[in-house]
ModelCIF file with pLDDT and N, C-alpha, C, O atoms, coordinates in Angstrom:
data_MODEL
#
_entry.id   MODEL 
#
_entity.id                         1 
_entity.type                       polymer 
_entity.pdbx_number_of_molecules   1 
#
_entity_poly.entity_id                      1 
_entity_poly.type                           'polypeptide(L)' 
_entity_poly.nstd_linkage                   no 
_entity_poly.nstd_monomer                   no 
_entity_poly.pdbx_seq_one_letter_code       
;(UNK)(UNK)(UNK)(UNK)(UNK)(UNK)(UNK)(UNK)(UNK)(UNK)(UNK)(UNK)(UNK)(UNK)(UNK)(UNK)
(UNK)(UNK)(UNK)(UNK)(UNK)(UNK)(UNK)(UNK)(UNK)(UNK)(UNK)(UNK)(UNK)(UNK)(UNK)(UNK)
(UNK)(UNK)
;
_entity_poly.pdbx_seq_one_letter_code_can   XXXXXXXXXXXXXXXXXXXXXXXXXXXXXXXXXX 
_entity_poly.pdbx_strand_id                 A 
#
loop_
_entity_poly_seq.entity_id 
_entity_poly_seq.num 
_entity_poly_seq.mon_id 
_entity_poly_seq.hetero 
1 1  UNK n 
1 2  UNK n 
1 3  UNK n 
1 4  UNK n 
1 5  UNK n 
1 6  UNK n 
1 7  UNK n 
1 8  UNK n 
1 9  UNK n 
1 10 UNK n 
1 11 UNK n 
1 12 UNK n 
1 13 UNK n 
1 14 UNK n 
1 15 UNK n 
1 16 UNK n 
1 17 UNK n 
1 18 UNK n 
1 19 UNK n 
1 20 UNK n 
1 21 UNK n 
1 22 UNK n 
1 23 UNK n 
1 24 UNK n 
1 25 UNK n 
1 26 UNK n 
1 27 UNK n 
1 28 UNK n 
1 29 UNK n 
1 30 UNK n 
1 31 UNK n 
1 32 UNK n 
1 33 UNK n 
1 34 UNK n 
#
_struct_asym.id          A 
_struct_asym.entity_id   1 
#
loop_
_ma_qa_metric.id 
_ma_qa_metric.mode 
_ma_qa_metric.name 
_ma_qa_metric.software_group_id 
_ma_qa_metric.type 
1 global pLDDT . pLDDT 
2 local  pLDDT . pLDDT 
#
_ma_qa_metric_global.metric_id      1 
_ma_qa_metric_global.metric_value   76.62 
_ma_qa_metric_global.model_id       1 
_ma_qa_metric_global.ordinal_id     1 
#
loop_
_ma_qa_metric_local.label_asym_id 
_ma_qa_metric_local.label_comp_id 
_ma_qa_metric_local.label_seq_id 
_ma_qa_metric_local.metric_id 
_ma_qa_metric_local.metric_value 
_ma_qa_metric_local.model_id 
_ma_qa_metric_local.ordinal_id 
A UNK 1  2 93.00 1 1  
A UNK 2  2 93.00 1 2  
A UNK 3  2 94.00 1 3  
A UNK 4  2 96.00 1 4  
A UNK 5  2 95.00 1 5  
A UNK 6  2 93.00 1 6  
A UNK 7  2 89.00 1 7  
A UNK 8  2 80.00 1 8  
A UNK 9  2 74.00 1 9  
A UNK 10 2 59.00 1 10 
A UNK 11 2 52.00 1 11 
A UNK 12 2 44.00 1 12 
A UNK 13 2 45.00 1 13 
A UNK 14 2 39.00 1 14 
A UNK 15 2 45.00 1 15 
A UNK 16 2 45.00 1 16 
A UNK 17 2 49.00 1 17 
A UNK 18 2 50.00 1 18 
A UNK 19 2 57.00 1 19 
A UNK 20 2 70.00 1 20 
A UNK 21 2 74.00 1 21 
A UNK 22 2 82.00 1 22 
A UNK 23 2 82.00 1 23 
A UNK 24 2 86.00 1 24 
A UNK 25 2 88.00 1 25 
A UNK 26 2 88.00 1 26 
A UNK 27 2 91.00 1 27 
A UNK 28 2 93.00 1 28 
A UNK 29 2 93.00 1 29 
A UNK 30 2 93.00 1 30 
A UNK 31 2 94.00 1 31 
A UNK 32 2 94.00 1 32 
A UNK 33 2 93.00 1 33 
A UNK 34 2 92.00 1 34 
#
loop_
_atom_site.group_PDB 
_atom_site.id 
_atom_site.type_symbol 
_atom_site.label_atom_id 
_atom_site.label_alt_id 
_atom_site.label_comp_id 
_atom_site.label_asym_id 
_atom_site.label_entity_id 
_atom_site.label_seq_id 
_atom_site.pdbx_PDB_ins_code 
_atom_site.Cartn_x 
_atom_site.Cartn_y 
_atom_site.Cartn_z 
_atom_site.occupancy 
_atom_site.B_iso_or_equiv 
_atom_site.pdbx_formal_charge 
_atom_site.auth_seq_id 
_atom_site.auth_comp_id 
_atom_site.auth_asym_id 
_atom_site.auth_atom_id 
_atom_site.pdbx_PDB_model_num 
ATOM 1   N N  . UNK A 1 1  ? 42.521 140.592 107.933 1.00 93.00 ? 1  UNK A N  1 
ATOM 2   C CA . UNK A 1 1  ? 42.892 142.005 107.804 1.00 93.00 ? 1  UNK A CA 1 
ATOM 3   C C  . UNK A 1 1  ? 42.150 142.806 108.861 1.00 93.00 ? 1  UNK A C  1 
ATOM 4   O O  . UNK A 1 1  ? 40.923 142.751 108.945 1.00 93.00 ? 1  UNK A O  1 
ATOM 5   N N  . UNK A 1 2  ? 42.901 143.552 109.671 1.00 93.00 ? 2  UNK A N  1 
ATOM 6   C CA . UNK A 1 2  ? 42.290 144.295 110.773 1.00 93.00 ? 2  UNK A CA 1 
ATOM 7   C C  . UNK A 1 2  ? 42.372 145.793 110.659 1.00 93.00 ? 2  UNK A C  1 
ATOM 8   O O  . UNK A 1 2  ? 41.685 146.498 111.398 1.00 93.00 ? 2  UNK A O  1 
ATOM 9   N N  . UNK A 1 3  ? 43.201 146.317 109.745 1.00 94.00 ? 3  UNK A N  1 
ATOM 10  C CA . UNK A 1 3  ? 43.405 147.767 109.669 1.00 94.00 ? 3  UNK A CA 1 
ATOM 11  C C  . UNK A 1 3  ? 43.995 148.129 108.307 1.00 94.00 ? 3  UNK A C  1 
ATOM 12  O O  . UNK A 1 3  ? 44.823 147.402 107.757 1.00 94.00 ? 3  UNK A O  1 
ATOM 13  N N  . UNK A 1 4  ? 43.543 149.288 107.769 1.00 96.00 ? 4  UNK A N  1 
ATOM 14  C CA . UNK A 1 4  ? 44.139 149.880 106.561 1.00 96.00 ? 4  UNK A CA 1 
ATOM 15  C C  . UNK A 1 4  ? 44.473 151.335 106.887 1.00 96.00 ? 4  UNK A C  1 
ATOM 16  O O  . UNK A 1 4  ? 43.628 152.080 107.381 1.00 96.00 ? 4  UNK A O  1 
ATOM 17  N N  . UNK A 1 5  ? 45.711 151.726 106.604 1.00 95.00 ? 5  UNK A N  1 
ATOM 18  C CA . UNK A 1 5  ? 46.145 153.120 106.753 1.00 95.00 ? 5  UNK A CA 1 
ATOM 19  C C  . UNK A 1 5  ? 46.584 153.614 105.388 1.00 95.00 ? 5  UNK A C  1 
ATOM 20  O O  . UNK A 1 5  ? 47.380 152.959 104.714 1.00 95.00 ? 5  UNK A O  1 
ATOM 21  N N  . UNK A 1 6  ? 46.072 154.766 104.976 1.00 93.00 ? 6  UNK A N  1 
ATOM 22  C CA . UNK A 1 6  ? 46.443 155.380 103.693 1.00 93.00 ? 6  UNK A CA 1 
ATOM 23  C C  . UNK A 1 6  ? 47.197 156.667 103.992 1.00 93.00 ? 6  UNK A C  1 
ATOM 24  O O  . UNK A 1 6  ? 46.620 157.636 104.486 1.00 93.00 ? 6  UNK A O  1 
ATOM 25  N N  . UNK A 1 7  ? 48.482 156.668 103.691 1.00 89.00 ? 7  UNK A N  1 
ATOM 26  C CA . UNK A 1 7  ? 49.324 157.850 103.872 1.00 89.00 ? 7  UNK A CA 1 
ATOM 27  C C  . UNK A 1 7  ? 49.372 158.585 102.534 1.00 89.00 ? 7  UNK A C  1 
ATOM 28  O O  . UNK A 1 7  ? 50.066 158.164 101.609 1.00 89.00 ? 7  UNK A O  1 
ATOM 29  N N  . UNK A 1 8  ? 48.636 159.675 102.443 1.00 80.00 ? 8  UNK A N  1 
ATOM 30  C CA . UNK A 1 8  ? 48.510 160.384 101.160 1.00 80.00 ? 8  UNK A CA 1 
ATOM 31  C C  . UNK A 1 8  ? 49.277 161.709 101.177 1.00 80.00 ? 8  UNK A C  1 
ATOM 32  O O  . UNK A 1 8  ? 48.738 162.767 100.854 1.00 80.00 ? 8  UNK A O  1 
ATOM 33  N N  . UNK A 1 9  ? 50.560 161.615 101.568 1.00 74.00 ? 9  UNK A N  1 
ATOM 34  C CA . UNK A 1 9  ? 51.394 162.810 101.559 1.00 74.00 ? 9  UNK A CA 1 
ATOM 35  C C  . UNK A 1 9  ? 51.655 163.280 100.136 1.00 74.00 ? 9  UNK A C  1 
ATOM 36  O O  . UNK A 1 9  ? 51.489 164.459 99.824  1.00 74.00 ? 9  UNK A O  1 
ATOM 37  N N  . UNK A 1 10 ? 52.061 162.364 99.283  1.00 59.00 ? 10 UNK A N  1 
ATOM 38  C CA . UNK A 1 10 ? 52.212 162.697 97.868  1.00 59.00 ? 10 UNK A CA 1 
ATOM 39  C C  . UNK A 1 10 ? 50.878 162.440 97.166  1.00 59.00 ? 10 UNK A C  1 
ATOM 40  O O  . UNK A 1 10 ? 49.876 162.145 97.817  1.00 59.00 ? 10 UNK A O  1 
ATOM 41  N N  . UNK A 1 11 ? 50.871 162.552 95.858  1.00 52.00 ? 11 UNK A N  1 
ATOM 42  C CA . UNK A 1 11 ? 49.636 162.369 95.096  1.00 52.00 ? 11 UNK A CA 1 
ATOM 43  C C  . UNK A 1 11 ? 49.276 160.891 95.057  1.00 52.00 ? 11 UNK A C  1 
ATOM 44  O O  . UNK A 1 11 ? 49.989 160.095 94.445  1.00 52.00 ? 11 UNK A O  1 
ATOM 45  N N  . UNK A 1 12 ? 48.155 160.509 95.716  1.00 44.00 ? 12 UNK A N  1 
ATOM 46  C CA . UNK A 1 12 ? 47.743 159.109 95.774  1.00 44.00 ? 12 UNK A CA 1 
ATOM 47  C C  . UNK A 1 12 ? 46.447 158.877 95.011  1.00 44.00 ? 12 UNK A C  1 
ATOM 48  O O  . UNK A 1 12 ? 45.701 157.954 95.337  1.00 44.00 ? 12 UNK A O  1 
ATOM 49  N N  . UNK A 1 13 ? 46.170 159.681 94.019  1.00 45.00 ? 13 UNK A N  1 
ATOM 50  C CA . UNK A 1 13 ? 44.867 159.576 93.365  1.00 45.00 ? 13 UNK A CA 1 
ATOM 51  C C  . UNK A 1 13 ? 44.826 158.490 92.297  1.00 45.00 ? 13 UNK A C  1 
ATOM 52  O O  . UNK A 1 13 ? 44.056 157.537 92.415  1.00 45.00 ? 13 UNK A O  1 
ATOM 53  N N  . UNK A 1 14 ? 45.630 158.621 91.276  1.00 39.00 ? 14 UNK A N  1 
ATOM 54  C CA . UNK A 1 14 ? 45.554 157.696 90.145  1.00 39.00 ? 14 UNK A CA 1 
ATOM 55  C C  . UNK A 1 14 ? 46.935 157.352 89.641  1.00 39.00 ? 14 UNK A C  1 
ATOM 56  O O  . UNK A 1 14 ? 47.847 158.178 89.690  1.00 39.00 ? 14 UNK A O  1 
ATOM 57  N N  . UNK A 1 15 ? 47.090 156.126 89.154  1.00 45.00 ? 15 UNK A N  1 
ATOM 58  C CA . UNK A 1 15 ? 48.289 155.741 88.410  1.00 45.00 ? 15 UNK A CA 1 
ATOM 59  C C  . UNK A 1 15 ? 47.855 154.883 87.235  1.00 45.00 ? 15 UNK A C  1 
ATOM 60  O O  . UNK A 1 15 ? 46.749 154.343 87.210  1.00 45.00 ? 15 UNK A O  1 
ATOM 61  N N  . UNK A 1 16 ? 48.749 154.770 86.265  1.00 45.00 ? 16 UNK A N  1 
ATOM 62  C CA . UNK A 1 16 ? 48.544 153.829 85.180  1.00 45.00 ? 16 UNK A CA 1 
ATOM 63  C C  . UNK A 1 16 ? 49.417 152.623 85.462  1.00 45.00 ? 16 UNK A C  1 
ATOM 64  O O  . UNK A 1 16 ? 50.634 152.751 85.597  1.00 45.00 ? 16 UNK A O  1 
ATOM 65  N N  . UNK A 1 17 ? 48.819 151.479 85.549  1.00 49.00 ? 17 UNK A N  1 
ATOM 66  C CA . UNK A 1 17 ? 49.566 150.263 85.829  1.00 49.00 ? 17 UNK A CA 1 
ATOM 67  C C  . UNK A 1 17 ? 49.164 149.231 84.790  1.00 49.00 ? 17 UNK A C  1 
ATOM 68  O O  . UNK A 1 17 ? 48.139 148.563 84.923  1.00 49.00 ? 17 UNK A O  1 
ATOM 69  N N  . UNK A 1 18 ? 49.998 149.107 83.735  1.00 50.00 ? 18 UNK A N  1 
ATOM 70  C CA . UNK A 1 18 ? 49.708 148.201 82.615  1.00 50.00 ? 18 UNK A CA 1 
ATOM 71  C C  . UNK A 1 18 ? 48.324 148.458 82.011  1.00 50.00 ? 18 UNK A C  1 
ATOM 72  O O  . UNK A 1 18 ? 47.530 147.536 81.819  1.00 50.00 ? 18 UNK A O  1 
ATOM 73  N N  . UNK A 1 19 ? 48.062 149.715 81.722  1.00 57.00 ? 19 UNK A N  1 
ATOM 74  C CA . UNK A 1 19 ? 46.787 150.152 81.120  1.00 57.00 ? 19 UNK A CA 1 
ATOM 75  C C  . UNK A 1 19 ? 45.588 149.853 82.028  1.00 57.00 ? 19 UNK A C  1 
ATOM 76  O O  . UNK A 1 19 ? 44.498 149.542 81.548  1.00 57.00 ? 19 UNK A O  1 
ATOM 77  N N  . UNK A 1 20 ? 45.800 149.949 83.317  1.00 70.00 ? 20 UNK A N  1 
ATOM 78  C CA . UNK A 1 20 ? 44.734 149.671 84.280  1.00 70.00 ? 20 UNK A CA 1 
ATOM 79  C C  . UNK A 1 20 ? 44.663 150.857 85.235  1.00 70.00 ? 20 UNK A C  1 
ATOM 80  O O  . UNK A 1 20 ? 45.545 151.034 86.075  1.00 70.00 ? 20 UNK A O  1 
ATOM 81  N N  . UNK A 1 21 ? 43.614 151.671 85.109  1.00 74.00 ? 21 UNK A N  1 
ATOM 82  C CA . UNK A 1 21 ? 43.463 152.888 85.910  1.00 74.00 ? 21 UNK A CA 1 
ATOM 83  C C  . UNK A 1 21 ? 42.665 152.556 87.166  1.00 74.00 ? 21 UNK A C  1 
ATOM 84  O O  . UNK A 1 21 ? 41.618 151.914 87.093  1.00 74.00 ? 21 UNK A O  1 
ATOM 85  N N  . UNK A 1 22 ? 43.165 152.995 88.311  1.00 82.00 ? 22 UNK A N  1 
ATOM 86  C CA . UNK A 1 22 ? 42.396 152.803 89.538  1.00 82.00 ? 22 UNK A CA 1 
ATOM 87  C C  . UNK A 1 22 ? 42.736 153.880 90.553  1.00 82.00 ? 22 UNK A C  1 
ATOM 88  O O  . UNK A 1 22 ? 43.831 154.441 90.548  1.00 82.00 ? 22 UNK A O  1 
ATOM 89  N N  . UNK A 1 23 ? 41.774 154.154 91.421  1.00 82.00 ? 23 UNK A N  1 
ATOM 90  C CA . UNK A 1 23 ? 41.919 155.127 92.494  1.00 82.00 ? 23 UNK A CA 1 
ATOM 91  C C  . UNK A 1 23 ? 42.222 154.358 93.770  1.00 82.00 ? 23 UNK A C  1 
ATOM 92  O O  . UNK A 1 23 ? 41.372 153.621 94.271  1.00 82.00 ? 23 UNK A O  1 
ATOM 93  N N  . UNK A 1 24 ? 43.439 154.527 94.303  1.00 86.00 ? 24 UNK A N  1 
ATOM 94  C CA . UNK A 1 24 ? 43.899 153.730 95.446  1.00 86.00 ? 24 UNK A CA 1 
ATOM 95  C C  . UNK A 1 24 ? 43.080 154.022 96.697  1.00 86.00 ? 24 UNK A C  1 
ATOM 96  O O  . UNK A 1 24 ? 42.704 153.101 97.422  1.00 86.00 ? 24 UNK A O  1 
ATOM 97  N N  . UNK A 1 25 ? 42.804 155.295 96.952  1.00 88.00 ? 25 UNK A N  1 
ATOM 98  C CA . UNK A 1 25 ? 42.064 155.669 98.163  1.00 88.00 ? 25 UNK A CA 1 
ATOM 99  C C  . UNK A 1 25 ? 40.630 155.164 98.111  1.00 88.00 ? 25 UNK A C  1 
ATOM 100 O O  . UNK A 1 25 ? 40.094 154.698 99.116  1.00 88.00 ? 25 UNK A O  1 
ATOM 101 N N  . UNK A 1 26 ? 40.007 155.257 96.936  1.00 88.00 ? 26 UNK A N  1 
ATOM 102 C CA . UNK A 1 26 ? 38.625 154.794 96.771  1.00 88.00 ? 26 UNK A CA 1 
ATOM 103 C C  . UNK A 1 26 ? 38.517 153.286 96.985  1.00 88.00 ? 26 UNK A C  1 
ATOM 104 O O  . UNK A 1 26 ? 37.596 152.815 97.653  1.00 88.00 ? 26 UNK A O  1 
ATOM 105 N N  . UNK A 1 27 ? 39.466 152.523 96.414  1.00 91.00 ? 27 UNK A N  1 
ATOM 106 C CA . UNK A 1 27 ? 39.448 151.061 96.561  1.00 91.00 ? 27 UNK A CA 1 
ATOM 107 C C  . UNK A 1 27 ? 39.723 150.665 98.005  1.00 91.00 ? 27 UNK A C  1 
ATOM 108 O O  . UNK A 1 27 ? 39.128 149.713 98.511  1.00 91.00 ? 27 UNK A O  1 
ATOM 109 N N  . UNK A 1 28 ? 40.628 151.394 98.677  1.00 93.00 ? 28 UNK A N  1 
ATOM 110 C CA . UNK A 1 28 ? 40.940 151.100 100.081 1.00 93.00 ? 28 UNK A CA 1 
ATOM 111 C C  . UNK A 1 28 ? 39.726 151.327 100.980 1.00 93.00 ? 28 UNK A C  1 
ATOM 112 O O  . UNK A 1 28 ? 39.467 150.531 101.882 1.00 93.00 ? 28 UNK A O  1 
ATOM 113 N N  . UNK A 1 29 ? 38.984 152.405 100.740 1.00 93.00 ? 29 UNK A N  1 
ATOM 114 C CA . UNK A 1 29 ? 37.776 152.693 101.541 1.00 93.00 ? 29 UNK A CA 1 
ATOM 115 C C  . UNK A 1 29 ? 36.707 151.633 101.298 1.00 93.00 ? 29 UNK A C  1 
ATOM 116 O O  . UNK A 1 29 ? 36.024 151.208 102.229 1.00 93.00 ? 29 UNK A O  1 
ATOM 117 N N  . UNK A 1 30 ? 36.565 151.208 100.038 1.00 93.00 ? 30 UNK A N  1 
ATOM 118 C CA . UNK A 1 30 ? 35.563 150.186 99.719  1.00 93.00 ? 30 UNK A CA 1 
ATOM 119 C C  . UNK A 1 30 ? 35.942 148.833 100.321 1.00 93.00 ? 30 UNK A C  1 
ATOM 120 O O  . UNK A 1 30 ? 35.067 148.099 100.780 1.00 93.00 ? 30 UNK A O  1 
ATOM 121 N N  . UNK A 1 31 ? 37.225 148.496 100.325 1.00 94.00 ? 31 UNK A N  1 
ATOM 122 C CA . UNK A 1 31 ? 37.648 147.224 100.938 1.00 94.00 ? 31 UNK A CA 1 
ATOM 123 C C  . UNK A 1 31 ? 37.414 147.243 102.450 1.00 94.00 ? 31 UNK A C  1 
ATOM 124 O O  . UNK A 1 31 ? 37.019 146.232 103.030 1.00 94.00 ? 31 UNK A O  1 
ATOM 125 N N  . UNK A 1 32 ? 37.658 148.388 103.087 1.00 94.00 ? 32 UNK A N  1 
ATOM 126 C CA . UNK A 1 32 ? 37.402 148.508 104.529 1.00 94.00 ? 32 UNK A CA 1 
ATOM 127 C C  . UNK A 1 32 ? 35.918 148.367 104.840 1.00 94.00 ? 32 UNK A C  1 
ATOM 128 O O  . UNK A 1 32 ? 35.550 147.786 105.861 1.00 94.00 ? 32 UNK A O  1 
ATOM 129 N N  . UNK A 1 33 ? 35.057 148.899 103.956 1.00 93.00 ? 33 UNK A N  1 
ATOM 130 C CA . UNK A 1 33 ? 33.602 148.756 104.151 1.00 93.00 ? 33 UNK A CA 1 
ATOM 131 C C  . UNK A 1 33 ? 33.169 147.307 104.026 1.00 93.00 ? 33 UNK A C  1 
ATOM 132 O O  . UNK A 1 33 ? 32.382 146.816 104.835 1.00 93.00 ? 33 UNK A O  1 
ATOM 133 N N  . UNK A 1 34 ? 33.681 146.624 103.015 1.00 92.00 ? 34 UNK A N  1 
ATOM 134 C CA . UNK A 1 34 ? 33.266 145.240 102.772 1.00 92.00 ? 34 UNK A CA 1 
ATOM 135 C C  . UNK A 1 34 ? 33.732 144.299 103.882 1.00 92.00 ? 34 UNK A C  1 
ATOM 136 O O  . UNK A 1 34 ? 33.463 143.098 103.827 1.00 92.00 ? 34 UNK A O  1 
#
């Protein structure tokens, strides 16, 4: 993996996915750091 782009035109903060809450932008930034 060489690049991550987050296009946050609409609301990209939180979703419910099978009772699993996560912040997409926060996880993307942490994966880029790691």
